[in-house]
Amino acid sequence: MPVPTVDPHRRDPAEIDPAASYRPTDPVWVYRSGTWRAGVVEAASALAATVTYRPNSARGTGVDTLTAQYMIRRADPDPLLDEPNIMPVGRR
């Protein structure tokens, strides 16, 4: 799945997966700073999920807690997040 083009504020609520349906290590797209970015779920609750994501095309990562409206499941691998030798120690 390529980078989503949908505006998270215009998503149909019936098509948004609940935050509780996400599991640790699930690959996702997260909407941050006006664009969709590759991320990985760290933890999820009924209301939100904590996600590690790439804030830009560099190797660094950010961590944020988001409601389901700002997340979409990601099928395509991200070379900087999904490679075993690059993942943060807690997710190996």
PDB file of N, CA and C in Angstrom:
ATOM      1  N   MET A   1       0.844  -1.175   0.000  1.00  0.00           N
ATOM      2  CA  MET A   1       0.000   0.000   0.000  1.00  0.00           C
ATOM      3  C   MET A   1       0.890   1.240   0.000  1.00  0.00           C
ATOM      4  N   PRO A   2       0.715   2.107  -0.952  1.00  0.00           N
ATOM      5  CA  PRO A   2       1.504   3.350  -0.969  1.00  0.00           C
ATOM      6  C   PRO A   2       1.058   4.276   0.160  1.00  0.00           C
ATOM      7  N   VAL A   3       1.781   5.374   0.317  1.00  0.00           N
ATOM      8  CA  VAL A   3       1.442   6.356   1.336  1.00  0.00           C
ATOM      9  C   VAL A   3      -0.007   6.797   1.152  1.00  0.00           C
ATOM     10  N   PRO A   4      -0.812   6.775   2.204  1.00  0.00           N
ATOM     11  CA  PRO A   4      -2.212   7.194   2.066  1.00  0.00           C
ATOM     12  C   PRO A   4      -2.318   8.653   1.619  1.00  0.00           C
ATOM     13  N   THR A   5      -3.402   8.960   0.948  1.00  0.00           N
ATOM     14  CA  THR A   5      -3.657  10.330   0.519  1.00  0.00           C
ATOM     15  C   THR A   5      -4.874  10.920   1.215  1.00  0.00           C
ATOM     16  N   VAL A   6      -5.546  10.124   2.005  1.00  0.00           N
ATOM     17  CA  VAL A   6      -6.760  10.566   2.685  1.00  0.00           C
ATOM     18  C   VAL A   6      -6.427  11.575   3.788  1.00  0.00           C
ATOM     19  N   ASP A   7      -7.267  12.570   3.915  1.00  0.00           N
ATOM     20  CA  ASP A   7      -7.169  13.531   5.015  1.00  0.00           C
ATOM     21  C   ASP A   7      -7.766  12.845   6.249  1.00  0.00           C
ATOM     22  N   PRO A   8      -7.011  12.726   7.341  1.00  0.00           N
ATOM     23  CA  PRO A   8      -7.546  12.013   8.506  1.00  0.00           C
ATOM     24  C   PRO A   8      -8.803  12.654   9.081  1.00  0.00           C
ATOM     25  N   HIS A   9      -9.003  13.935   8.845  1.00  0.00           N
ATOM     26  CA  HIS A   9     -10.189  14.622   9.348  1.00  0.00           C
ATOM     27  C   HIS A   9     -11.427  14.343   8.497  1.00  0.00           C
ATOM     28  N   ARG A  10     -11.227  13.736   7.336  1.00  0.00           N
ATOM     29  CA  ARG A  10     -12.339  13.428   6.442  1.00  0.00           C
ATOM     30  C   ARG A  10     -12.572  11.920   6.309  1.00  0.00           C
ATOM     31  N   ARG A  11     -11.907  11.127   7.147  1.00  0.00           N
ATOM     32  CA  ARG A  11     -12.089   9.682   7.088  1.00  0.00           C
ATOM     33  C   ARG A  11     -13.479   9.301   7.586  1.00  0.00           C
ATOM     34  N   ASP A  12     -14.049   8.290   6.953  1.00  0.00           N
ATOM     35  CA  ASP A  12     -15.340   7.758   7.379  1.00  0.00           C
ATOM     36  C   ASP A  12     -15.114   6.995   8.685  1.00  0.00           C
ATOM     37  N   PRO A  13     -15.757   7.375   9.780  1.00  0.00           N
ATOM     38  CA  PRO A  13     -15.545   6.687  11.050  1.00  0.00           C
ATOM     39  C   PRO A  13     -15.788   5.180  10.976  1.00  0.00           C
ATOM     40  N   ALA A  14     -16.665   4.747  10.093  1.00  0.00           N
ATOM     41  CA  ALA A  14     -16.942   3.315   9.946  1.00  0.00           C
ATOM     42  C   ALA A  14     -15.749   2.559   9.354  1.00  0.00           C
ATOM     43  N   GLU A  15     -14.820   3.273   8.707  1.00  0.00           N
ATOM     44  CA  GLU A  15     -13.660   2.637   8.085  1.00  0.00           C
ATOM     45  C   GLU A  15     -12.384   2.751   8.916  1.00  0.00           C
ATOM     46  N   ILE A  16     -12.495   3.300  10.110  1.00  0.00           N
ATOM     47  CA  ILE A  16     -11.329   3.457  10.982  1.00  0.00           C
ATOM     48  C   ILE A  16     -11.269   2.282  11.948  1.00  0.00           C
ATOM     49  N   ASP A  17     -10.144   1.543  11.912  1.00  0.00           N
ATOM     50  CA  ASP A  17      -9.963   0.435  12.861  1.00  0.00           C
ATOM     51  C   ASP A  17      -9.808   1.003  14.265  1.00  0.00           C
ATOM     52  N   PRO A  18     -10.465   0.404  15.262  1.00  0.00           N
ATOM     53  CA  PRO A  18     -10.320   0.906  16.630  1.00  0.00           C
ATOM     54  C   PRO A  18      -8.877   0.776  17.124  1.00  0.00           C
ATOM     55  N   ALA A  19      -8.461   1.686  17.976  1.00  0.00           N
ATOM     56  CA  ALA A  19      -7.092   1.640  18.513  1.00  0.00           C
ATOM     57  C   ALA A  19      -6.805   0.297  19.181  1.00  0.00           C
ATOM     58  N   ALA A  20      -7.786  -0.272  19.851  1.00  0.00           N
ATOM     59  CA  ALA A  20      -7.591  -1.548  20.549  1.00  0.00           C
ATOM     60  C   ALA A  20      -7.326  -2.716  19.598  1.00  0.00           C
ATOM     61  N   SER A  21      -7.582  -2.543  18.307  1.00  0.00           N
ATOM     62  CA  SER A  21      -7.344  -3.631  17.350  1.00  0.00           C
ATOM     63  C   SER A  21      -5.879  -3.730  16.929  1.00  0.00           C
ATOM     64  N   TYR A  22      -5.072  -2.727  17.279  1.00  0.00           N
ATOM     65  CA  TYR A  22      -3.656  -2.725  16.941  1.00  0.00           C
ATOM     66  C   TYR A  22      -2.866  -3.479  18.007  1.00  0.00           C
ATOM     67  N   ARG A  23      -1.793  -4.144  17.568  1.00  0.00           N
ATOM     68  CA  ARG A  23      -0.922  -4.908  18.463  1.00  0.00           C
ATOM     69  C   ARG A  23       0.506  -4.403  18.326  1.00  0.00           C
ATOM     70  N   PRO A  24       1.323  -4.596  19.363  1.00  0.00           N
ATOM     71  CA  PRO A  24       2.739  -4.223  19.251  1.00  0.00           C
ATOM     72  C   PRO A  24       3.379  -4.861  18.021  1.00  0.00           C
ATOM     73  N   THR A  25       4.193  -4.112  17.350  1.00  0.00           N
ATOM     74  CA  THR A  25       4.928  -4.434  16.114  1.00  0.00           C
ATOM     75  C   THR A  25       4.078  -4.319  14.850  1.00  0.00           C
ATOM     76  N   ASP A  26       2.785  -3.986  14.953  1.00  0.00           N
ATOM     77  CA  ASP A  26       1.974  -3.785  13.744  1.00  0.00           C
ATOM     78  C   ASP A  26       2.540  -2.600  12.954  1.00  0.00           C
ATOM     79  N   PRO A  27       2.785  -2.776  11.657  1.00  0.00           N
ATOM     80  CA  PRO A  27       3.222  -1.652  10.828  1.00  0.00           C
ATOM     81  C   PRO A  27       2.033  -0.751  10.496  1.00  0.00           C
ATOM     82  N   VAL A  28       2.223   0.544  10.624  1.00  0.00           N
ATOM     83  CA  VAL A  28       1.142   1.503  10.388  1.00  0.00           C
ATOM     84  C   VAL A  28       1.670   2.741   9.670  1.00  0.00           C
ATOM     85  N   TRP A  29       0.738   3.490   9.126  1.00  0.00           N
ATOM     86  CA  TRP A  29       0.999   4.853   8.683  1.00  0.00           C
ATOM     87  C   TRP A  29       0.449   5.743   9.771  1.00  0.00           C
ATOM     88  N   VAL A  30       1.168   6.795  10.157  1.00  0.00           N
ATOM     89  CA  VAL A  30       0.681   7.751  11.149  1.00  0.00           C
ATOM     90  C   VAL A  30       0.688   9.140  10.528  1.00  0.00           C
ATOM     91  N   TYR A  31      -0.315   9.917  10.874  1.00  0.00           N
ATOM     92  CA  TYR A  31      -0.428  11.275  10.336  1.00  0.00           C
ATOM     93  C   TYR A  31       0.165  12.243  11.346  1.00  0.00           C
ATOM     94  N   ARG A  32       1.318  12.819  11.003  1.00  0.00           N
ATOM     95  CA  ARG A  32       2.012  13.765  11.867  1.00  0.00           C
ATOM     96  C   ARG A  32       2.531  14.906  11.016  1.00  0.00           C
ATOM     97  N   SER A  33       2.439  16.095  11.503  1.00  0.00           N
ATOM     98  CA  SER A  33       2.964  17.295  10.831  1.00  0.00           C
ATOM     99  C   SER A  33       2.469  17.426   9.391  1.00  0.00           C
ATOM    100  N   GLY A  34       1.206  17.080   9.168  1.00  0.00           N
ATOM    101  CA  GLY A  34       0.595  17.287   7.868  1.00  0.00           C
ATOM    102  C   GLY A  34       0.869  16.245   6.811  1.00  0.00           C
ATOM    103  N   THR A  35       1.469  15.115   7.188  1.00  0.00           N
ATOM    104  CA  THR A  35       1.739  14.065   6.209  1.00  0.00           C
ATOM    105  C   THR A  35       1.708  12.688   6.869  1.00  0.00           C
ATOM    106  N   TRP A  36       1.485  11.664   6.060  1.00  0.00           N
ATOM    107  CA  TRP A  36       1.489  10.285   6.550  1.00  0.00           C
ATOM    108  C   TRP A  36       2.931   9.788   6.595  1.00  0.00           C
ATOM    109  N   ARG A  37       3.298   9.139   7.696  1.00  0.00           N
ATOM    110  CA  ARG A  37       4.664   8.658   7.902  1.00  0.00           C
ATOM    111  C   ARG A  37       4.627   7.203   8.355  1.00  0.00           C
ATOM    112  N   ALA A  38       5.636   6.431   7.946  1.00  0.00           N
ATOM    113  CA  ALA A  38       5.720   5.022   8.342  1.00  0.00           C
ATOM    114  C   ALA A  38       5.966   4.925   9.837  1.00  0.00           C
ATOM    115  N   GLY A  39       5.286   3.968  10.482  1.00  0.00           N
ATOM    116  CA  GLY A  39       5.452   3.769  11.914  1.00  0.00           C
ATOM    117  C   GLY A  39       5.227   2.326  12.312  1.00  0.00           C
ATOM    118  N   VAL A  40       5.480   2.046  13.585  1.00  0.00           N
ATOM    119  CA  VAL A  40       5.279   0.716  14.164  1.00  0.00           C
ATOM    120  C   VAL A  40       4.635   0.910  15.531  1.00  0.00           C
ATOM    121  N   VAL A  41       3.579   0.154  15.803  1.00  0.00           N
ATOM    122  CA  VAL A  41       2.875   0.246  17.076  1.00  0.00           C
ATOM    123  C   VAL A  41       3.745  -0.328  18.195  1.00  0.00           C
ATOM    124  N   GLU A  42       3.831   0.401  19.292  1.00  0.00           N
ATOM    125  CA  GLU A  42       4.544  -0.054  20.489  1.00  0.00           C
ATOM    126  C   GLU A  42       3.567  -0.621  21.512  1.00  0.00           C
ATOM    127  N   ALA A  43       2.426   0.029  21.673  1.00  0.00           N
ATOM    128  CA  ALA A  43       1.395  -0.391  22.626  1.00  0.00           C
ATOM    129  C   ALA A  43       0.079   0.243  22.199  1.00  0.00           C
ATOM    130  N   ALA A  44      -1.030  -0.376  22.613  1.00  0.00           N
ATOM    131  CA  ALA A  44      -2.339   0.176  22.263  1.00  0.00           C
ATOM    132  C   ALA A  44      -3.322  -0.040  23.408  1.00  0.00           C
ATOM    133  N   SER A  45      -4.281   0.869  23.506  1.00  0.00           N
ATOM    134  CA  SER A  45      -5.357   0.756  24.481  1.00  0.00           C
ATOM    135  C   SER A  45      -6.671   0.960  23.738  1.00  0.00           C
ATOM    136  N   ALA A  46      -7.745   1.042  24.472  1.00  0.00           N
ATOM    137  CA  ALA A  46      -9.045   1.257  23.840  1.00  0.00           C
ATOM    138  C   ALA A  46      -9.140   2.627  23.173  1.00  0.00           C
ATOM    139  N   LEU A  47      -8.355   3.592  23.645  1.00  0.00           N
ATOM    140  CA  LEU A  47      -8.471   4.955  23.134  1.00  0.00           C
ATOM    141  C   LEU A  47      -7.369   5.395  22.184  1.00  0.00           C
ATOM    142  N   ALA A  48      -6.162   4.822  22.303  1.00  0.00           N
ATOM    143  CA  ALA A  48      -5.028   5.325  21.516  1.00  0.00           C
ATOM    144  C   ALA A  48      -3.932   4.277  21.426  1.00  0.00           C
ATOM    145  N   ALA A  49      -2.936   4.567  20.585  1.00  0.00           N
ATOM    146  CA  ALA A  49      -1.768   3.691  20.446  1.00  0.00           C
ATOM    147  C   ALA A  49      -0.504   4.538  20.511  1.00  0.00           C
ATOM    148  N   THR A  50       0.523   3.977  21.110  1.00  0.00           N
ATOM    149  CA  THR A  50       1.842   4.607  21.111  1.00  0.00           C
ATOM    150  C   THR A  50       2.597   4.025  19.929  1.00  0.00           C
ATOM    151  N   VAL A  51       3.164   4.903  19.106  1.00  0.00           N
ATOM    152  CA  VAL A  51       3.774   4.503  17.844  1.00  0.00           C
ATOM    153  C   VAL A  51       5.165   5.117  17.712  1.00  0.00           C
ATOM    154  N   THR A  52       6.124   4.306  17.266  1.00  0.00           N
ATOM    155  CA  THR A  52       7.426   4.812  16.838  1.00  0.00           C
ATOM    156  C   THR A  52       7.303   5.065  15.350  1.00  0.00           C
ATOM    157  N   TYR A  53       7.721   6.228  14.893  1.00  0.00           N
ATOM    158  CA  TYR A  53       7.561   6.557  13.475  1.00  0.00           C
ATOM    159  C   TYR A  53       8.766   7.358  12.985  1.00  0.00           C
ATOM    160  N   ARG A  54       8.892   7.415  11.666  1.00  0.00           N
ATOM    161  CA  ARG A  54       9.953   8.214  11.049  1.00  0.00           C
ATOM    162  C   ARG A  54       9.419   9.616  10.800  1.00  0.00           C
ATOM    163  N   PRO A  55       9.942  10.629  11.507  1.00  0.00           N
ATOM    164  CA  PRO A  55       9.434  11.982  11.309  1.00  0.00           C
ATOM    165  C   PRO A  55       9.852  12.595   9.980  1.00  0.00           C
ATOM    166  N   ASN A  56      10.838  12.005   9.304  1.00  0.00           N
ATOM    167  CA  ASN A  56      11.261  12.464   7.976  1.00  0.00           C
ATOM    168  C   ASN A  56      12.005  11.311   7.308  1.00  0.00           C
ATOM    169  N   SER A  57      12.740  11.575   6.251  1.00  0.00           N
ATOM    170  CA  SER A  57      13.412  10.495   5.525  1.00  0.00           C
ATOM    171  C   SER A  57      14.739  10.087   6.152  1.00  0.00           C
ATOM    172  N   ALA A  58      15.135  10.725   7.245  1.00  0.00           N
ATOM    173  CA  ALA A  58      16.389  10.381   7.918  1.00  0.00           C
ATOM    174  C   ALA A  58      16.210   9.129   8.776  1.00  0.00           C
ATOM    175  N   ARG A  59      17.290   8.666   9.377  1.00  0.00           N
ATOM    176  CA  ARG A  59      17.260   7.457  10.182  1.00  0.00           C
ATOM    177  C   ARG A  59      16.636   7.621  11.565  1.00  0.00           C
ATOM    178  N   GLY A  60      16.454   8.821  12.051  1.00  0.00           N
ATOM    179  CA  GLY A  60      15.897   9.028  13.378  1.00  0.00           C
ATOM    180  C   GLY A  60      14.441   8.620  13.470  1.00  0.00           C
ATOM    181  N   THR A  61      13.956   8.476  14.707  1.00  0.00           N
ATOM    182  CA  THR A  61      12.556   8.137  14.930  1.00  0.00           C
ATOM    183  C   THR A  61      11.970   9.074  15.972  1.00  0.00           C
ATOM    184  N   GLY A  62      10.652   9.125  15.986  1.00  0.00           N
ATOM    185  CA  GLY A  62       9.906   9.842  17.006  1.00  0.00           C
ATOM    186  C   GLY A  62       8.924   8.874  17.632  1.00  0.00           C
ATOM    187  N   VAL A  63       8.441   9.194  18.794  1.00  0.00           N
ATOM    188  CA  VAL A  63       7.430   8.377  19.471  1.00  0.00           C
ATOM    189  C   VAL A  63       6.295   9.295  19.868  1.00  0.00           C
ATOM    190  N   ASP A  64       5.074   8.852  19.595  1.00  0.00           N
ATOM    191  CA  ASP A  64       3.917   9.666  19.931  1.00  0.00           C
ATOM    192  C   ASP A  64       2.738   8.752  20.229  1.00  0.00           C
ATOM    193  N   THR A  65       1.764   9.286  20.905  1.00  0.00           N
ATOM    194  CA  THR A  65       0.523   8.559  21.171  1.00  0.00           C
ATOM    195  C   THR A  65      -0.571   9.193  20.326  1.00  0.00           C
ATOM    196  N   LEU A  66      -1.276   8.337  19.567  1.00  0.00           N
ATOM    197  CA  LEU A  66      -2.253   8.815  18.588  1.00  0.00           C
ATOM    198  C   LEU A  66      -3.576   8.089  18.736  1.00  0.00           C
ATOM    199  N   THR A  67      -4.659   8.778  18.416  1.00  0.00           N
ATOM    200  CA  THR A  67      -5.947   8.104  18.330  1.00  0.00           C
ATOM    201  C   THR A  67      -6.040   7.402  16.972  1.00  0.00           C
ATOM    202  N   ALA A  68      -6.976   6.506  16.847  1.00  0.00           N
ATOM    203  CA  ALA A  68      -7.099   5.675  15.646  1.00  0.00           C
ATOM    204  C   ALA A  68      -7.330   6.482  14.371  1.00  0.00           C
ATOM    205  N   GLN A  69      -7.925   7.629  14.480  1.00  0.00           N
ATOM    206  CA  GLN A  69      -8.185   8.485  13.315  1.00  0.00           C
ATOM    207  C   GLN A  69      -6.891   8.819  12.568  1.00  0.00           C
ATOM    208  N   TYR A  70      -5.781   8.849  13.279  1.00  0.00           N
ATOM    209  CA  TYR A  70      -4.502   9.251  12.695  1.00  0.00           C
ATOM    210  C   TYR A  70      -3.586   8.070  12.384  1.00  0.00           C
ATOM    211  N   MET A  71      -4.167   6.874  12.279  1.00  0.00           N
ATOM    212  CA  MET A  71      -3.397   5.672  11.941  1.00  0.00           C
ATOM    213  C   MET A  71      -4.120   4.868  10.869  1.00  0.00           C
ATOM    214  N   ILE A  72      -3.329   4.253   9.990  1.00  0.00           N
ATOM    215  CA  ILE A  72      -3.837   3.327   8.979  1.00  0.00           C
ATOM    216  C   ILE A  72      -2.842   2.172   8.909  1.00  0.00           C
ATOM    217  N   ARG A  73      -3.338   0.966   8.773  1.00  0.00           N
ATOM    218  CA  ARG A  73      -2.442  -0.192   8.666  1.00  0.00           C
ATOM    219  C   ARG A  73      -1.553  -0.058   7.434  1.00  0.00           C
ATOM    220  N   ARG A  74      -0.314  -0.486   7.583  1.00  0.00           N
ATOM    221  CA  ARG A  74       0.683  -0.385   6.504  1.00  0.00           C
ATOM    222  C   ARG A  74       1.082  -1.794   6.085  1.00  0.00           C
ATOM    223  N   ALA A  75       1.067  -2.067   4.763  1.00  0.00           N
ATOM    224  CA  ALA A  75       1.453  -3.378   4.249  1.00  0.00           C
ATOM    225  C   ALA A  75       2.890  -3.393   3.729  1.00  0.00           C
ATOM    226  N   ASP A  76       3.331  -2.292   3.142  1.00  0.00           N
ATOM    227  CA  ASP A  76       4.676  -2.238   2.563  1.00  0.00           C
ATOM    228  C   ASP A  76       5.722  -2.073   3.657  1.00  0.00           C
ATOM    229  N   PRO A  77       6.836  -2.809   3.561  1.00  0.00           N
ATOM    230  CA  PRO A  77       7.887  -2.650   4.569  1.00  0.00           C
ATOM    231  C   PRO A  77       8.592  -1.303   4.445  1.00  0.00           C
ATOM    232  N   ASP A  78       9.053  -0.815   5.562  1.00  0.00           N
ATOM    233  CA  ASP A  78       9.855   0.405   5.587  1.00  0.00           C
ATOM    234  C   ASP A  78      11.279  -0.015   5.935  1.00  0.00           C
ATOM    235  N   PRO A  79      12.254   0.278   5.075  1.00  0.00           N
ATOM    236  CA  PRO A  79      13.615  -0.218   5.308  1.00  0.00           C
ATOM    237  C   PRO A  79      14.256   0.305   6.586  1.00  0.00           C
ATOM    238  N   LEU A  80      13.840   1.454   7.065  1.00  0.00           N
ATOM    239  CA  LEU A  80      14.456   1.992   8.275  1.00  0.00           C
ATOM    240  C   LEU A  80      13.742   1.575   9.558  1.00  0.00           C
ATOM    241  N   LEU A  81      12.499   1.116   9.462  1.00  0.00           N
ATOM    242  CA  LEU A  81      11.771   0.695  10.656  1.00  0.00           C
ATOM    243  C   LEU A  81      11.628  -0.810  10.774  1.00  0.00           C
ATOM    244  N   ASP A  82      11.551  -1.497   9.660  1.00  0.00           N
ATOM    245  CA  ASP A  82      11.204  -2.911   9.683  1.00  0.00           C
ATOM    246  C   ASP A  82      12.387  -3.862   9.570  1.00  0.00           C
ATOM    247  N   GLU A  83      13.578  -3.340   9.303  1.00  0.00           N
ATOM    248  CA  GLU A  83      14.754  -4.202   9.236  1.00  0.00           C
ATOM    249  C   GLU A  83      15.145  -4.631  10.643  1.00  0.00           C
ATOM    250  N   PRO A  84      15.403  -5.925  10.882  1.00  0.00           N
ATOM    251  CA  PRO A  84      15.720  -6.398  12.236  1.00  0.00           C
ATOM    252  C   PRO A  84      16.944  -5.746  12.855  1.00  0.00           C
ATOM    253  N   ASN A  85      17.935  -5.386  12.047  1.00  0.00           N
ATOM    254  CA  ASN A  85      19.155  -4.809  12.606  1.00  0.00           C
ATOM    255  C   ASN A  85      19.023  -3.321  12.910  1.00  0.00           C
ATOM    256  N   ILE A  86      17.895  -2.715  12.571  1.00  0.00           N
ATOM    257  CA  ILE A  86      17.704  -1.285  12.795  1.00  0.00           C
ATOM    258  C   ILE A  86      16.660  -1.021  13.866  1.00  0.00           C
ATOM    259  N   MET A  87      15.799  -2.011  14.138  1.00  0.00           N
ATOM    260  CA  MET A  87      14.745  -1.822  15.127  1.00  0.00           C
ATOM    261  C   MET A  87      15.297  -1.480  16.490  1.00  0.00           C
ATOM    262  N   PRO A  88      14.598  -0.665  17.255  1.00  0.00           N
ATOM    263  CA  PRO A  88      15.019  -0.408  18.623  1.00  0.00           C
ATOM    264  C   PRO A  88      15.159  -1.696  19.405  1.00  0.00           C
ATOM    265  N   VAL A  89      16.041  -1.722  20.370  1.00  0.00           N
ATOM    266  CA  VAL A  89      16.378  -2.939  21.113  1.00  0.00           C
ATOM    267  C   VAL A  89      15.139  -3.609  21.697  1.00  0.00           C
ATOM    268  N   GLY A  90      14.199  -2.872  22.216  1.00  0.00           N
ATOM    269  CA  GLY A  90      13.027  -3.455  22.836  1.00  0.00           C
ATOM    270  C   GLY A  90      12.129  -4.233  21.893  1.00  0.00           C
ATOM    271  N   ARG A  91      12.275  -4.071  20.579  1.00  0.00           N
ATOM    272  CA  ARG A  91      11.396  -4.752  19.620  1.00  0.00           C
ATOM    273  C   ARG A  91      12.102  -5.870  18.877  1.00  0.00           C
ATOM    274  N   ARG A  92      13.334  -6.202  19.180  1.00  0.00           N
ATOM    275  CA  ARG A  92      14.037  -7.267  18.459  1.00  0.00           C
ATOM    276  C   ARG A  92      13.563  -8.612  18.880  1.00  0.00           C
TER     277      ARG A  92
END
